[in-house]
Amino acid sequence: MISKKQPLQISTKQLVQDLTWVINNPSLLNIEVLGEIELEPLTSEQELRILQLGPLELKSYKLGFYFEALIRLYIEVSENYVLKVANLQVQKDKTTLGEFDFILKNLEAETFEHWEVSIKFYLCHNPKLELKGCCGTQLKDVFQNKISKLKDHQLQLSQSEAGIEALNKIEVSVEKSRGLLKGMIFYHAKLGQFKNEQLNAFSAKGVWMYQSEWSRIEEGLFVVLKKPFLFSMNSYSEESVLTNAQVLCVFRQEQQPMMLASVIRDGDTLLEHSRLWLISDAWFK
């Protein structure tokens, strides 16, 4: 087990597989909502460049931190973009108003772009409220609020007085601000799903259930997914596989929302069949 006191060393194989998952996984929102960033599949030449760059060291286990690192890697090996700066803070009177995730140059258009990126896994606990009825494992992390923050604040930074001042200092004028919101929505079987004009109908979906409902699930094989490795299955070995009873034991010990992958064996490889969240009975009460 990796100690959280030590930086993470992520292999090039893991980086390629996780970045491929990010690229292939449909966005949570329709393209027009955030002026969607379209990620092109990695070419064999780009994969080779990632291998040549070597392992990546991360000082944080936060999911968003790793996701931004993957997008930065995508930009670094891209033939269409050159990174100008990442995590550029916007301040006014010594108060931080926000930051630009990425400022990069579009080589084809010869213009600078501002990118805001995020990864989220939402549990829908009240489909009647649609996007307002979906939240992360931190209940204050509401899906609709995240969209509003991206659209109305983060993607507007390049048009604000303080944002323009920050960009002038690096001699950049941004022509376009674009967003990216990847992830999955998890639904409860008894509550059902919902449709929304902002939501991408093809976004990845899973299920969530209460601890008391776990005994009703069919016997299978499962892997507990832990941050920041919530993307591909590459970081998990045969030793990670648990039975239904073992999953329940782990959950009772940790008493925290737990993301699981239902897996099947294909020789020496674990193939993901589906994903689910297991939460305590009192979580949404």
C-alpha atoms as a PDB file:
ATOM      1  CA  MET A   1       0.000   0.000   0.000  1.00  0.00           C
ATOM      2  CA  ILE A   2       1.248   3.474  -0.910  1.00  0.00           C
ATOM      3  CA  SER A   3       1.767   5.809   2.003  1.00  0.00           C
ATOM      4  CA  LYS A   4       0.027   9.153   1.532  1.00  0.00           C
ATOM      5  CA  LYS A   5       3.104  10.780   3.009  1.00  0.00           C
ATOM      6  CA  GLN A   6       5.045   9.818  -0.098  1.00  0.00           C
ATOM      7  CA  PRO A   7       4.623  11.308  -3.595  1.00  0.00           C
ATOM      8  CA  LEU A   8       2.904   9.078  -6.140  1.00  0.00           C
ATOM      9  CA  GLN A   9       5.015   7.640  -8.924  1.00  0.00           C
ATOM     10  CA  ILE A  10       2.716   6.924 -11.854  1.00  0.00           C
ATOM     11  CA  SER A  11       4.097   4.673 -14.570  1.00  0.00           C
ATOM     12  CA  THR A  12       3.943   5.618 -18.242  1.00  0.00           C
ATOM     13  CA  LYS A  13       1.705   2.602 -18.895  1.00  0.00           C
ATOM     14  CA  GLN A  14      -0.747   3.897 -16.287  1.00  0.00           C
ATOM     15  CA  LEU A  15      -0.612   7.410 -17.752  1.00  0.00           C
ATOM     16  CA  VAL A  16      -1.384   6.222 -21.277  1.00  0.00           C
ATOM     17  CA  GLN A  17      -4.254   4.012 -20.122  1.00  0.00           C
ATOM     18  CA  ASP A  18      -5.774   6.640 -17.808  1.00  0.00           C
ATOM     19  CA  LEU A  19      -5.491   9.381 -20.439  1.00  0.00           C
ATOM     20  CA  THR A  20      -7.108   7.058 -22.987  1.00  0.00           C
ATOM     21  CA  TRP A  21      -9.984   6.497 -20.523  1.00  0.00           C
ATOM     22  CA  VAL A  22     -10.396  10.257 -20.130  1.00  0.00           C
ATOM     23  CA  ILE A  23     -10.424  10.814 -23.901  1.00  0.00           C
ATOM     24  CA  ASN A  24     -12.846   7.985 -24.655  1.00  0.00           C
ATOM     25  CA  ASN A  25     -15.216   8.605 -21.740  1.00  0.00           C
ATOM     26  CA  PRO A  26     -18.088  10.844 -22.948  1.00  0.00           C
ATOM     27  CA  SER A  27     -18.379  14.281 -21.391  1.00  0.00           C
ATOM     28  CA  LEU A  28     -21.127  14.870 -18.829  1.00  0.00           C
ATOM     29  CA  LEU A  29     -22.535  17.856 -20.726  1.00  0.00           C
ATOM     30  CA  ASN A  30     -23.607  18.624 -24.268  1.00  0.00           C
ATOM     31  CA  ILE A  31     -20.924  20.320 -26.332  1.00  0.00           C
ATOM     32  CA  GLU A  32     -22.516  23.790 -26.395  1.00  0.00           C
ATOM     33  CA  VAL A  33     -22.862  24.163 -22.599  1.00  0.00           C
ATOM     34  CA  LEU A  34     -19.193  24.934 -21.922  1.00  0.00           C
ATOM     35  CA  GLY A  35     -17.884  25.342 -25.458  1.00  0.00           C
ATOM     36  CA  GLU A  36     -16.660  21.762 -25.133  1.00  0.00           C
ATOM     37  CA  ILE A  37     -12.977  20.896 -25.533  1.00  0.00           C
ATOM     38  CA  GLU A  38     -12.782  18.009 -28.002  1.00  0.00           C
ATOM     39  CA  LEU A  39      -9.990  15.600 -27.093  1.00  0.00           C
ATOM     40  CA  GLU A  40      -8.599  13.636 -30.021  1.00  0.00           C
ATOM     41  CA  PRO A  41      -7.508   9.988 -29.553  1.00  0.00           C
ATOM     42  CA  LEU A  42      -3.801   9.502 -28.895  1.00  0.00           C
ATOM     43  CA  THR A  43      -1.734   8.516 -31.902  1.00  0.00           C
ATOM     44  CA  SER A  44       1.007   5.882 -31.637  1.00  0.00           C
ATOM     45  CA  GLU A  45       3.543   8.710 -31.895  1.00  0.00           C
ATOM     46  CA  GLN A  46       1.951  10.541 -28.959  1.00  0.00           C
ATOM     47  CA  GLU A  47       1.913   7.379 -26.853  1.00  0.00           C
ATOM     48  CA  LEU A  48       5.616   6.947 -27.633  1.00  0.00           C
ATOM     49  CA  ARG A  49       6.299  10.523 -26.486  1.00  0.00           C
ATOM     50  CA  ILE A  50       4.546   9.832 -23.185  1.00  0.00           C
ATOM     51  CA  LEU A  51       6.697   6.737 -22.717  1.00  0.00           C
ATOM     52  CA  GLN A  52       9.800   8.812 -23.434  1.00  0.00           C
ATOM     53  CA  LEU A  53       8.790  11.457 -20.875  1.00  0.00           C
ATOM     54  CA  GLY A  54       8.944   8.801 -18.166  1.00  0.00           C
ATOM     55  CA  PRO A  55       6.904   8.331 -14.951  1.00  0.00           C
ATOM     56  CA  LEU A  56       4.956  11.216 -13.451  1.00  0.00           C
ATOM     57  CA  GLU A  57       5.358  12.210  -9.812  1.00  0.00           C
ATOM     58  CA  LEU A  58       2.272  13.547  -8.047  1.00  0.00           C
ATOM     59  CA  LYS A  59       2.384  15.216  -4.648  1.00  0.00           C
ATOM     60  CA  SER A  60      -1.377  15.035  -4.139  1.00  0.00           C
ATOM     61  CA  TYR A  61      -3.877  12.166  -4.131  1.00  0.00           C
ATOM     62  CA  LYS A  62      -6.724  14.503  -5.077  1.00  0.00           C
ATOM     63  CA  LEU A  63      -8.667  13.308  -8.118  1.00  0.00           C
ATOM     64  CA  GLY A  64      -8.852  16.761  -9.691  1.00  0.00           C
ATOM     65  CA  PHE A  65      -5.098  17.230  -9.323  1.00  0.00           C
ATOM     66  CA  TYR A  66      -4.399  14.020 -11.241  1.00  0.00           C
ATOM     67  CA  PHE A  67      -7.027  14.861 -13.866  1.00  0.00           C
ATOM     68  CA  GLU A  68      -5.375  18.216 -14.542  1.00  0.00           C
ATOM     69  CA  ALA A  69      -2.008  16.441 -14.790  1.00  0.00           C
ATOM     70  CA  LEU A  70      -3.458  14.132 -17.459  1.00  0.00           C
ATOM     71  CA  ILE A  71      -4.874  17.066 -19.451  1.00  0.00           C
ATOM     72  CA  ARG A  72      -1.531  18.839 -19.184  1.00  0.00           C
ATOM     73  CA  LEU A  73       0.154  15.699 -20.517  1.00  0.00           C
ATOM     74  CA  TYR A  74      -2.342  15.640 -23.393  1.00  0.00           C
ATOM     75  CA  ILE A  75      -1.392  19.223 -24.261  1.00  0.00           C
ATOM     76  CA  GLU A  76       2.335  18.518 -23.983  1.00  0.00           C
ATOM     77  CA  VAL A  77       2.231  15.709 -26.548  1.00  0.00           C
ATOM     78  CA  SER A  78      -0.320  17.431 -28.796  1.00  0.00           C
ATOM     79  CA  GLU A  79       0.578  18.538 -32.302  1.00  0.00           C
ATOM     80  CA  ASN A  80      -2.102  21.234 -32.233  1.00  0.00           C
ATOM     81  CA  TYR A  81      -1.403  23.066 -28.963  1.00  0.00           C
ATOM     82  CA  VAL A  82       1.484  24.528 -26.984  1.00  0.00           C
ATOM     83  CA  LEU A  83       1.084  25.219 -23.274  1.00  0.00           C
ATOM     84  CA  LYS A  84       1.769  28.812 -22.261  1.00  0.00           C
ATOM     85  CA  VAL A  85       0.992  28.567 -18.531  1.00  0.00           C
ATOM     86  CA  ALA A  86      -0.988  26.408 -16.098  1.00  0.00           C
ATOM     87  CA  ASN A  87      -2.782  27.438 -12.886  1.00  0.00           C
ATOM     88  CA  LEU A  88      -2.326  31.157 -13.437  1.00  0.00           C
ATOM     89  CA  GLN A  89      -3.822  32.989 -10.461  1.00  0.00           C
ATOM     90  CA  VAL A  90      -6.084  36.007 -10.903  1.00  0.00           C
ATOM     91  CA  GLN A  91      -5.831  38.505  -8.067  1.00  0.00           C
ATOM     92  CA  LYS A  92      -7.185  41.912  -7.129  1.00  0.00           C
ATOM     93  CA  ASP A  93      -5.994  43.879  -4.116  1.00  0.00           C
ATOM     94  CA  LYS A  94      -4.098  40.794  -2.897  1.00  0.00           C
ATOM     95  CA  THR A  95      -7.310  38.736  -2.992  1.00  0.00           C
ATOM     96  CA  THR A  96      -7.383  35.675  -5.247  1.00  0.00           C
ATOM     97  CA  LEU A  97     -10.460  35.779  -7.482  1.00  0.00           C
ATOM     98  CA  GLY A  98      -9.725  32.515  -9.280  1.00  0.00           C
ATOM     99  CA  GLU A  99      -7.202  30.958 -11.603  1.00  0.00           C
ATOM    100  CA  PHE A 100      -6.865  29.867 -15.202  1.00  0.00           C
ATOM    101  CA  ASP A 101      -6.392  26.083 -15.421  1.00  0.00           C
ATOM    102  CA  PHE A 102      -4.582  26.312 -18.758  1.00  0.00           C
ATOM    103  CA  ILE A 103      -3.608  29.051 -21.176  1.00  0.00           C
ATOM    104  CA  LEU A 104      -2.399  27.504 -24.438  1.00  0.00           C
ATOM    105  CA  LYS A 105      -1.728  28.422 -28.027  1.00  0.00           C
ATOM    106  CA  ASN A 106      -3.787  26.896 -30.818  1.00  0.00           C
ATOM    107  CA  LEU A 107      -1.141  26.389 -33.474  1.00  0.00           C
ATOM    108  CA  GLU A 108      -3.588  26.051 -36.349  1.00  0.00           C
ATOM    109  CA  ALA A 109      -5.569  29.204 -35.535  1.00  0.00           C
ATOM    110  CA  GLU A 110      -2.517  31.077 -34.169  1.00  0.00           C
ATOM    111  CA  THR A 111      -4.595  32.203 -31.180  1.00  0.00           C
ATOM    112  CA  PHE A 112      -4.532  31.680 -27.420  1.00  0.00           C
ATOM    113  CA  GLU A 113      -7.217  29.687 -25.617  1.00  0.00           C
ATOM    114  CA  HIS A 114      -8.257  29.372 -21.982  1.00  0.00           C
ATOM    115  CA  TRP A 115      -9.226  25.856 -20.812  1.00  0.00           C
ATOM    116  CA  GLU A 116     -11.080  24.945 -17.617  1.00  0.00           C
ATOM    117  CA  VAL A 117     -11.233  21.209 -16.870  1.00  0.00           C
ATOM    118  CA  SER A 118     -12.876  19.068 -14.197  1.00  0.00           C
ATOM    119  CA  ILE A 119     -13.701  15.448 -13.384  1.00  0.00           C
ATOM    120  CA  LYS A 120     -16.749  14.552 -11.287  1.00  0.00           C
ATOM    121  CA  PHE A 121     -18.573  11.423 -10.143  1.00  0.00           C
ATOM    122  CA  TYR A 122     -22.124  12.351  -9.126  1.00  0.00           C
ATOM    123  CA  LEU A 123     -24.770  10.339  -7.272  1.00  0.00           C
ATOM    124  CA  CYS A 124     -28.359  11.137  -8.244  1.00  0.00           C
ATOM    125  CA  HIS A 125     -30.422  11.011  -5.044  1.00  0.00           C
ATOM    126  CA  ASN A 126     -33.399  13.033  -6.296  1.00  0.00           C
ATOM    127  CA  PRO A 127     -34.058  12.700 -10.056  1.00  0.00           C
ATOM    128  CA  LYS A 128     -37.072  15.059  -9.821  1.00  0.00           C
ATOM    129  CA  LEU A 129     -34.582  17.869  -9.153  1.00  0.00           C
ATOM    130  CA  GLU A 130     -32.479  16.778 -12.164  1.00  0.00           C
ATOM    131  CA  LEU A 131     -28.990  18.351 -11.986  1.00  0.00           C
ATOM    132  CA  LYS A 132     -29.768  19.896  -8.597  1.00  0.00           C
ATOM    133  CA  GLY A 133     -30.511  16.417  -7.266  1.00  0.00           C
ATOM    134  CA  CYS A 134     -27.023  15.082  -8.049  1.00  0.00           C
ATOM    135  CA  CYS A 135     -24.052  15.534  -5.744  1.00  0.00           C
ATOM    136  CA  GLY A 136     -20.627  14.128  -5.023  1.00  0.00           C
ATOM    137  CA  THR A 137     -19.623  12.274  -1.892  1.00  0.00           C
ATOM    138  CA  GLN A 138     -19.393  15.734  -0.348  1.00  0.00           C
ATOM    139  CA  LEU A 139     -23.070  16.672  -0.269  1.00  0.00           C
ATOM    140  CA  LYS A 140     -22.326  20.362  -0.926  1.00  0.00           C
ATOM    141  CA  ASP A 141     -20.813  19.416  -4.297  1.00  0.00           C
ATOM    142  CA  VAL A 142     -24.005  19.816  -6.387  1.00  0.00           C
ATOM    143  CA  PHE A 143     -23.919  19.141 -10.138  1.00  0.00           C
ATOM    144  CA  GLN A 144     -25.873  22.262 -11.168  1.00  0.00           C
ATOM    145  CA  ASN A 145     -23.704  24.472  -8.948  1.00  0.00           C
ATOM    146  CA  LYS A 146     -20.579  23.107 -10.622  1.00  0.00           C
ATOM    147  CA  ILE A 147     -21.941  23.964 -14.067  1.00  0.00           C
ATOM    148  CA  SER A 148     -22.861  27.474 -12.922  1.00  0.00           C
ATOM    149  CA  LYS A 149     -19.406  28.025 -11.435  1.00  0.00           C
ATOM    150  CA  LEU A 150     -17.716  26.888 -14.647  1.00  0.00           C
ATOM    151  CA  LYS A 151     -19.976  28.942 -16.951  1.00  0.00           C
ATOM    152  CA  ASP A 152     -20.507  32.084 -14.921  1.00  0.00           C
ATOM    153  CA  HIS A 153     -17.172  32.445 -13.124  1.00  0.00           C
ATOM    154  CA  GLN A 154     -14.260  30.334 -14.312  1.00  0.00           C
ATOM    155  CA  LEU A 155     -14.909  30.656 -18.056  1.00  0.00           C
ATOM    156  CA  GLN A 156     -15.544  34.395 -17.659  1.00  0.00           C
ATOM    157  CA  LEU A 157     -12.170  35.139 -16.062  1.00  0.00           C
ATOM    158  CA  SER A 158     -10.515  36.056 -19.350  1.00  0.00           C
ATOM    159  CA  GLN A 159     -13.155  38.797 -19.841  1.00  0.00           C
ATOM    160  CA  SER A 160     -12.812  40.284 -16.363  1.00  0.00           C
ATOM    161  CA  GLU A 161     -10.627  43.290 -15.590  1.00  0.00           C
ATOM    162  CA  ALA A 162      -8.443  41.312 -13.183  1.00  0.00           C
ATOM    163  CA  GLY A 163      -8.206  38.385 -15.604  1.00  0.00           C
ATOM    164  CA  ILE A 164      -7.155  40.598 -18.498  1.00  0.00           C
ATOM    165  CA  GLU A 165      -4.516  42.201 -16.265  1.00  0.00           C
ATOM    166  CA  ALA A 166      -3.117  38.755 -15.349  1.00  0.00           C
ATOM    167  CA  LEU A 167      -3.021  37.750 -19.025  1.00  0.00           C
ATOM    168  CA  ASN A 168      -1.328  41.026 -20.024  1.00  0.00           C
ATOM    169  CA  LYS A 169       1.521  40.216 -17.659  1.00  0.00           C
ATOM    170  CA  ILE A 170       2.314  37.097 -19.721  1.00  0.00           C
ATOM    171  CA  GLU A 171       1.619  38.971 -22.976  1.00  0.00           C
ATOM    172  CA  VAL A 172      -1.434  36.943 -23.931  1.00  0.00           C
ATOM    173  CA  SER A 173      -4.840  37.900 -25.313  1.00  0.00           C
ATOM    174  CA  VAL A 174      -7.332  35.043 -25.070  1.00  0.00           C
ATOM    175  CA  GLU A 175      -9.610  34.545 -28.079  1.00  0.00           C
ATOM    176  CA  LYS A 176     -11.644  31.639 -26.726  1.00  0.00           C
ATOM    177  CA  SER A 177     -12.528  30.080 -23.355  1.00  0.00           C
ATOM    178  CA  ARG A 178     -13.526  26.420 -23.362  1.00  0.00           C
ATOM    179  CA  GLY A 179     -14.565  23.946 -20.696  1.00  0.00           C
ATOM    180  CA  LEU A 180     -14.420  20.208 -20.083  1.00  0.00           C
ATOM    181  CA  LEU A 181     -16.444  18.254 -17.527  1.00  0.00           C
ATOM    182  CA  LYS A 182     -15.809  14.506 -17.579  1.00  0.00           C
ATOM    183  CA  GLY A 183     -17.037  11.802 -15.223  1.00  0.00           C
ATOM    184  CA  MET A 184     -20.036   9.597 -14.487  1.00  0.00           C
ATOM    185  CA  ILE A 185     -23.516   9.793 -12.967  1.00  0.00           C
ATOM    186  CA  PHE A 186     -24.667   7.042 -10.634  1.00  0.00           C
ATOM    187  CA  TYR A 187     -28.380   6.290 -10.264  1.00  0.00           C
ATOM    188  CA  HIS A 188     -30.353   4.311  -7.685  1.00  0.00           C
ATOM    189  CA  ALA A 189     -32.446   1.531  -9.236  1.00  0.00           C
ATOM    190  CA  LYS A 190     -35.613   2.472  -7.319  1.00  0.00           C
ATOM    191  CA  LEU A 191     -35.358   6.213  -7.940  1.00  0.00           C
ATOM    192  CA  GLY A 192     -34.804   6.105 -11.695  1.00  0.00           C
ATOM    193  CA  GLN A 193     -33.027   8.489 -14.052  1.00  0.00           C
ATOM    194  CA  PHE A 194     -33.788  11.893 -15.568  1.00  0.00           C
ATOM    195  CA  LYS A 195     -33.283  13.884 -18.754  1.00  0.00           C
ATOM    196  CA  ASN A 196     -31.943  17.421 -18.936  1.00  0.00           C
ATOM    197  CA  GLU A 197     -31.115  19.678 -21.883  1.00  0.00           C
ATOM    198  CA  GLN A 198     -27.604  20.327 -20.572  1.00  0.00           C
ATOM    199  CA  LEU A 199     -26.822  16.663 -19.856  1.00  0.00           C
ATOM    200  CA  ASN A 200     -25.126  14.508 -22.485  1.00  0.00           C
ATOM    201  CA  ALA A 201     -27.448  11.518 -22.969  1.00  0.00           C
ATOM    202  CA  PHE A 202     -24.412   9.373 -23.813  1.00  0.00           C
ATOM    203  CA  SER A 203     -22.455  10.151 -20.630  1.00  0.00           C
ATOM    204  CA  ALA A 204     -21.204   7.147 -18.644  1.00  0.00           C
ATOM    205  CA  LYS A 205     -23.578   5.796 -16.003  1.00  0.00           C
ATOM    206  CA  GLY A 206     -23.402   3.536 -12.969  1.00  0.00           C
ATOM    207  CA  VAL A 207     -25.547   2.644  -9.963  1.00  0.00           C
ATOM    208  CA  TRP A 208     -25.402   3.420  -6.260  1.00  0.00           C
ATOM    209  CA  MET A 209     -26.918   1.530  -3.351  1.00  0.00           C
ATOM    210  CA  TYR A 210     -27.178   1.603   0.416  1.00  0.00           C
ATOM    211  CA  GLN A 211     -25.211  -0.762   2.641  1.00  0.00           C
ATOM    212  CA  SER A 212     -28.447  -2.540   3.640  1.00  0.00           C
ATOM    213  CA  GLU A 213     -29.109  -3.331  -0.026  1.00  0.00           C
ATOM    214  CA  TRP A 214     -25.743  -4.985  -0.632  1.00  0.00           C
ATOM    215  CA  SER A 215     -26.932  -8.454   0.394  1.00  0.00           C
ATOM    216  CA  ARG A 216     -29.393  -8.447  -2.522  1.00  0.00           C
ATOM    217  CA  ILE A 217     -26.709  -8.079  -5.193  1.00  0.00           C
ATOM    218  CA  GLU A 218     -25.603 -11.160  -7.098  1.00  0.00           C
ATOM    219  CA  GLU A 219     -22.357 -12.827  -6.103  1.00  0.00           C
ATOM    220  CA  GLY A 220     -19.483 -11.476  -8.118  1.00  0.00           C
ATOM    221  CA  LEU A 221     -15.955 -10.099  -8.082  1.00  0.00           C
ATOM    222  CA  PHE A 222     -15.225  -6.502  -7.188  1.00  0.00           C
ATOM    223  CA  VAL A 223     -12.341  -4.062  -6.908  1.00  0.00           C
ATOM    224  CA  VAL A 224     -12.411  -1.072  -4.564  1.00  0.00           C
ATOM    225  CA  LEU A 225     -11.331   1.997  -6.563  1.00  0.00           C
ATOM    226  CA  LYS A 226      -9.320   4.552  -4.608  1.00  0.00           C
ATOM    227  CA  LYS A 227      -8.220   8.072  -5.429  1.00  0.00           C
ATOM    228  CA  PRO A 228      -6.647   9.148  -7.627  1.00  0.00           C
ATOM    229  CA  PHE A 229      -7.000   5.936  -9.655  1.00  0.00           C
ATOM    230  CA  LEU A 230     -10.673   6.162 -10.574  1.00  0.00           C
ATOM    231  CA  PHE A 231     -10.078   6.032 -14.323  1.00  0.00           C
ATOM    232  CA  SER A 232      -8.805   2.839 -15.954  1.00  0.00           C
ATOM    233  CA  MET A 233      -8.354  -0.521 -14.231  1.00  0.00           C
ATOM    234  CA  ASN A 234      -4.626  -0.666 -14.951  1.00  0.00           C
ATOM    235  CA  SER A 235      -3.471  -0.020 -11.381  1.00  0.00           C
ATOM    236  CA  TYR A 236      -5.323  -3.005  -9.909  1.00  0.00           C
ATOM    237  CA  SER A 237      -4.015  -6.563  -9.682  1.00  0.00           C
ATOM    238  CA  GLU A 238      -5.516  -9.951  -8.882  1.00  0.00           C
ATOM    239  CA  GLU A 239      -4.728  -9.257  -5.214  1.00  0.00           C
ATOM    240  CA  SER A 240      -7.261  -6.394  -5.311  1.00  0.00           C
ATOM    241  CA  VAL A 241     -10.217  -8.641  -6.163  1.00  0.00           C
ATOM    242  CA  LEU A 242     -12.849  -9.057  -3.417  1.00  0.00           C
ATOM    243  CA  THR A 243     -15.949 -11.184  -2.968  1.00  0.00           C
ATOM    244  CA  ASN A 244     -19.290  -9.720  -1.860  1.00  0.00           C
ATOM    245  CA  ALA A 245     -18.599 -10.604   1.780  1.00  0.00           C
ATOM    246  CA  GLN A 246     -15.114  -9.092   1.660  1.00  0.00           C
ATOM    247  CA  VAL A 247     -16.457  -5.863   0.168  1.00  0.00           C
ATOM    248  CA  LEU A 248     -18.894  -5.528   3.058  1.00  0.00           C
ATOM    249  CA  CYS A 249     -16.096  -6.109   5.595  1.00  0.00           C
ATOM    250  CA  VAL A 250     -13.972  -3.368   4.037  1.00  0.00           C
ATOM    251  CA  PHE A 251     -16.937  -0.990   3.947  1.00  0.00           C
ATOM    252  CA  ARG A 252     -17.761  -1.591   7.610  1.00  0.00           C
ATOM    253  CA  GLN A 253     -14.167  -0.804   8.538  1.00  0.00           C
ATOM    254  CA  GLU A 254     -13.940   2.431   6.564  1.00  0.00           C
ATOM    255  CA  GLN A 255     -17.547   3.702   6.811  1.00  0.00           C
ATOM    256  CA  GLN A 256     -17.036   6.000   3.842  1.00  0.00           C
ATOM    257  CA  PRO A 257     -18.684   6.053   0.403  1.00  0.00           C
ATOM    258  CA  MET A 258     -16.909   3.417  -1.688  1.00  0.00           C
ATOM    259  CA  MET A 259     -16.598   3.221  -5.458  1.00  0.00           C
ATOM    260  CA  LEU A 260     -16.460  -0.328  -6.794  1.00  0.00           C
ATOM    261  CA  ALA A 261     -15.793  -1.880 -10.168  1.00  0.00           C
ATOM    262  CA  SER A 262     -17.572  -5.130 -10.946  1.00  0.00           C
ATOM    263  CA  VAL A 263     -14.946  -7.179 -12.786  1.00  0.00           C
ATOM    264  CA  ILE A 264     -14.496 -10.404 -14.695  1.00  0.00           C
ATOM    265  CA  ARG A 265     -11.280 -12.286 -15.303  1.00  0.00           C
ATOM    266  CA  ASP A 266      -9.893 -12.622 -18.817  1.00  0.00           C
ATOM    267  CA  GLY A 267      -6.783 -14.707 -18.336  1.00  0.00           C
ATOM    268  CA  ASP A 268      -4.414 -12.556 -16.300  1.00  0.00           C
ATOM    269  CA  THR A 269      -6.414  -9.389 -17.006  1.00  0.00           C
ATOM    270  CA  LEU A 270      -9.257  -7.856 -15.014  1.00  0.00           C
ATOM    271  CA  LEU A 271     -12.003  -6.453 -17.217  1.00  0.00           C
ATOM    272  CA  GLU A 272     -14.410  -3.890 -15.821  1.00  0.00           C
ATOM    273  CA  HIS A 273     -18.071  -4.788 -16.314  1.00  0.00           C
ATOM    274  CA  SER A 274     -19.745  -1.904 -14.459  1.00  0.00           C
ATOM    275  CA  ARG A 275     -19.285   0.578 -11.624  1.00  0.00           C
ATOM    276  CA  LEU A 276     -21.225   1.347  -8.493  1.00  0.00           C
ATOM    277  CA  TRP A 277     -21.092   3.351  -5.272  1.00  0.00           C
ATOM    278  CA  LEU A 278     -21.809   1.766  -1.908  1.00  0.00           C
ATOM    279  CA  ILE A 279     -22.877   4.247   0.786  1.00  0.00           C
ATOM    280  CA  SER A 280     -24.167   4.102   4.353  1.00  0.00           C
ATOM    281  CA  ASP A 281     -27.935   4.025   4.931  1.00  0.00           C
ATOM    282  CA  ALA A 282     -27.823   7.445   6.591  1.00  0.00           C
ATOM    283  CA  TRP A 283     -25.856   9.227   3.874  1.00  0.00           C
ATOM    284  CA  PHE A 284     -28.740  11.094   2.209  1.00  0.00           C
ATOM    285  CA  LYS A 285     -30.921  11.270   5.327  1.00  0.00           C
END
